Protein backbone atom coordinates (compact mmCIF):
# COMPACT_ATOMS: atom_id res chain seq x y z
CA MET A 1 -25.55 -44.13 101.94
CA ALA A 2 -24.89 -47.57 103.43
CA LYS A 3 -27.64 -50.12 103.18
CA GLU A 4 -28.95 -50.95 106.63
CA ASN A 5 -29.04 -54.64 107.61
CA PHE A 6 -31.32 -56.00 110.27
CA SER A 7 -30.82 -59.27 112.19
CA PHE A 8 -31.95 -61.41 115.01
CA ASP A 9 -30.49 -64.46 116.76
CA ILE A 10 -32.02 -68.01 117.03
CA VAL A 11 -31.02 -69.62 120.40
CA SER A 12 -32.11 -72.59 122.32
CA GLU A 13 -31.75 -71.96 126.10
CA ALA A 14 -33.76 -71.71 129.22
CA ASP A 15 -34.21 -68.91 131.59
CA LEU A 16 -32.56 -70.43 134.61
CA GLN A 17 -34.38 -68.15 136.96
CA GLU A 18 -37.68 -69.39 135.57
CA VAL A 19 -36.49 -73.09 135.90
CA ASP A 20 -35.55 -72.25 139.58
CA ASN A 21 -38.98 -70.78 140.24
CA ALA A 22 -40.66 -73.79 138.59
CA ILE A 23 -38.69 -76.26 140.71
CA ASN A 24 -39.58 -74.19 143.88
CA GLN A 25 -43.16 -74.43 142.92
CA ALA A 26 -42.88 -78.13 142.29
CA GLN A 27 -41.21 -78.75 145.60
CA LYS A 28 -44.15 -76.91 147.33
CA GLU A 29 -46.79 -78.95 145.54
CA MET A 30 -44.93 -82.22 146.48
CA ALA A 31 -44.87 -81.10 150.17
CA GLN A 32 -48.65 -80.54 150.13
CA ARG A 33 -49.87 -83.69 148.21
CA TYR A 34 -51.11 -86.60 150.15
CA ASP A 35 -49.54 -89.30 147.88
CA PHE A 36 -46.09 -87.77 148.72
CA LYS A 37 -46.58 -87.91 152.56
CA ASN A 38 -43.71 -89.75 154.17
CA SER A 39 -41.97 -90.09 150.91
CA LYS A 40 -38.25 -89.56 150.13
CA SER A 41 -39.21 -87.92 146.76
CA SER A 42 -37.27 -84.64 146.00
CA ILE A 43 -36.28 -82.33 143.23
CA ALA A 44 -32.78 -80.69 143.23
CA PHE A 45 -31.49 -78.11 140.93
CA ASN A 46 -27.82 -77.43 140.28
CA ARG A 47 -27.67 -74.16 138.50
CA ALA A 48 -24.04 -74.15 137.71
CA GLU A 49 -24.12 -77.54 136.00
CA LYS A 50 -27.66 -77.01 134.53
CA LYS A 51 -28.86 -80.29 135.98
CA ILE A 52 -31.94 -81.32 137.85
CA THR A 53 -31.92 -84.38 140.07
CA LEU A 54 -35.17 -86.24 140.71
CA VAL A 55 -35.34 -88.76 143.55
CA ALA A 56 -38.37 -91.02 144.13
CA ASP A 57 -39.52 -94.10 146.15
CA ASP A 58 -40.51 -96.07 143.17
CA ASP A 59 -41.28 -95.82 139.46
CA PHE A 60 -44.87 -94.58 139.90
CA LYS A 61 -43.64 -91.70 142.16
CA LEU A 62 -40.88 -90.89 139.76
CA ARG A 63 -43.36 -90.49 136.87
CA SER A 64 -45.48 -88.30 139.21
CA VAL A 65 -42.37 -86.13 140.14
CA THR A 66 -41.60 -85.81 136.41
CA ASP A 67 -45.24 -84.70 135.55
CA ILE A 68 -45.30 -82.11 138.36
CA LEU A 69 -41.87 -80.67 137.14
CA GLN A 70 -42.83 -80.58 133.42
CA GLY A 71 -46.22 -78.93 134.38
CA ARG A 72 -44.52 -76.23 136.46
CA LEU A 73 -42.04 -75.56 133.87
CA ALA A 74 -44.71 -75.31 131.10
CA LYS A 75 -46.63 -72.92 133.31
CA ARG A 76 -43.59 -70.68 133.71
CA GLY A 77 -42.96 -70.64 129.98
CA VAL A 78 -39.96 -72.95 129.97
CA SER A 79 -40.16 -75.47 127.13
CA VAL A 80 -40.00 -79.07 128.06
CA LYS A 81 -37.91 -79.78 124.82
CA LEU A 82 -35.01 -78.25 126.63
CA LEU A 83 -35.06 -81.18 129.02
CA SER A 84 -33.13 -84.51 128.29
CA PHE A 85 -33.95 -87.28 130.73
CA LYS A 86 -31.30 -89.85 131.52
CA GLU A 87 -32.12 -93.38 132.58
CA PRO A 88 -33.22 -93.71 136.22
CA GLN A 89 -30.69 -95.36 138.52
CA LYS A 90 -31.43 -97.47 141.70
CA VAL A 91 -29.84 -95.59 144.71
CA PHE A 92 -29.87 -95.91 148.58
CA ALA A 93 -32.63 -97.94 150.10
CA GLY A 94 -34.21 -98.91 146.78
CA ASN A 95 -35.04 -95.35 145.69
CA LEU A 96 -34.82 -94.13 142.09
CA GLN A 97 -32.75 -91.24 140.93
CA GLN A 98 -32.86 -89.60 137.65
CA GLU A 99 -30.75 -86.91 136.21
CA VAL A 100 -32.15 -84.26 133.88
CA ASP A 101 -29.91 -82.04 131.72
CA ILE A 102 -31.16 -78.64 130.57
CA ALA A 103 -29.90 -78.01 126.97
CA MET A 104 -28.12 -74.69 126.27
CA GLY A 105 -27.27 -73.82 122.72
CA ILE A 106 -27.91 -75.28 119.32
CA PRO A 107 -25.81 -78.39 118.32
CA LYS A 108 -24.08 -78.02 114.84
CA GLU A 109 -26.13 -80.47 113.14
CA LYS A 110 -29.34 -78.85 114.23
CA ALA A 111 -28.07 -75.38 113.30
CA LYS A 112 -27.38 -76.82 109.81
CA ASP A 113 -31.05 -78.09 109.80
CA LEU A 114 -32.27 -74.64 110.74
CA VAL A 115 -30.10 -72.82 108.03
CA LYS A 116 -31.55 -75.22 105.42
CA ILE A 117 -35.07 -74.70 106.60
CA ILE A 118 -34.55 -70.84 106.41
CA LYS A 119 -32.90 -71.01 102.88
CA ASP A 120 -35.71 -73.07 101.70
CA LEU A 121 -38.16 -70.32 102.31
CA ASN A 122 -36.63 -68.38 99.38
CA LEU A 123 -36.67 -65.03 101.15
CA LYS A 124 -33.74 -62.56 100.93
CA VAL A 125 -32.19 -63.53 104.15
CA GLN A 126 -28.77 -64.74 105.12
CA PRO A 127 -28.58 -67.36 107.92
CA GLN A 128 -25.21 -67.79 109.56
CA ILE A 129 -24.04 -70.27 112.26
CA GLU A 130 -22.15 -68.45 115.10
CA GLY A 131 -21.19 -70.94 117.77
CA GLU A 132 -24.23 -72.18 119.45
CA LYS A 133 -26.63 -69.78 117.78
CA VAL A 134 -27.90 -68.95 114.44
CA ARG A 135 -28.01 -65.26 113.30
CA VAL A 136 -30.33 -64.26 110.33
CA PHE A 137 -29.59 -61.03 108.43
CA SER A 138 -31.80 -59.21 106.00
CA ALA A 139 -32.30 -55.61 104.49
CA LYS A 140 -36.11 -56.06 105.23
CA LYS A 141 -37.64 -56.49 108.53
CA ASP A 142 -40.68 -58.18 107.00
CA ASP A 143 -38.48 -61.02 105.76
CA LEU A 144 -37.10 -61.56 109.15
CA GLN A 145 -40.70 -61.44 110.57
CA ALA A 146 -41.71 -64.19 107.95
CA VAL A 147 -38.77 -66.43 109.07
CA ILE A 148 -39.73 -66.09 112.82
CA THR A 149 -43.40 -66.85 111.96
CA HIS A 150 -42.42 -69.85 109.84
CA LEU A 151 -40.01 -71.23 112.48
CA LYS A 152 -42.74 -70.79 115.27
CA LYS A 153 -45.27 -72.83 113.20
CA ILE A 154 -43.02 -75.94 112.43
CA ASP A 155 -42.33 -78.51 115.04
CA PHE A 156 -38.58 -78.24 115.43
CA PRO A 157 -37.02 -80.84 117.86
CA LEU A 158 -35.48 -77.98 119.85
CA ALA A 159 -37.09 -75.22 121.74
CA LEU A 160 -36.16 -72.04 119.72
CA ASN A 161 -35.93 -68.51 121.23
CA PHE A 162 -35.57 -65.44 119.10
CA CYS A 163 -33.41 -62.56 120.48
CA ASN A 164 -31.40 -59.46 119.68
CA TYR A 165 -33.86 -58.40 117.04
CA ARG A 166 -32.19 -55.34 115.44
């Protein structure tokens, strides 16, 4: 009888529909707030490029737009660790524009760090890097659960999602 192996994948990606919903909520909030009345502030989402563009009248409003966006994403269960903010640029009429990239996938060096953390647990599991995700195998589901529990406890610099648990 063949020995059954269980596995799960560790990924770092955002649910783009939830990001879209959070941005729509943020836009509605900005439309209702008094401090954004007669303001050119806006949030735009390019789903294909996985980019968010923030536009604001000044630095203070840009921080407010960023806070609104982060709050709405957090409420929808999208980790703020997935966002990488670029430097604000001056654009038309003295306004500020800031690009925000949404990270998708685990970079090689971070994947290697994850594998090392998992191996240091001294459980009978086999982590393996597969492209932009890490797959963990084990004969025991309890060991896989222990790995997931440990990774949820630590403060890893990336947002980690666990999927394809078999």
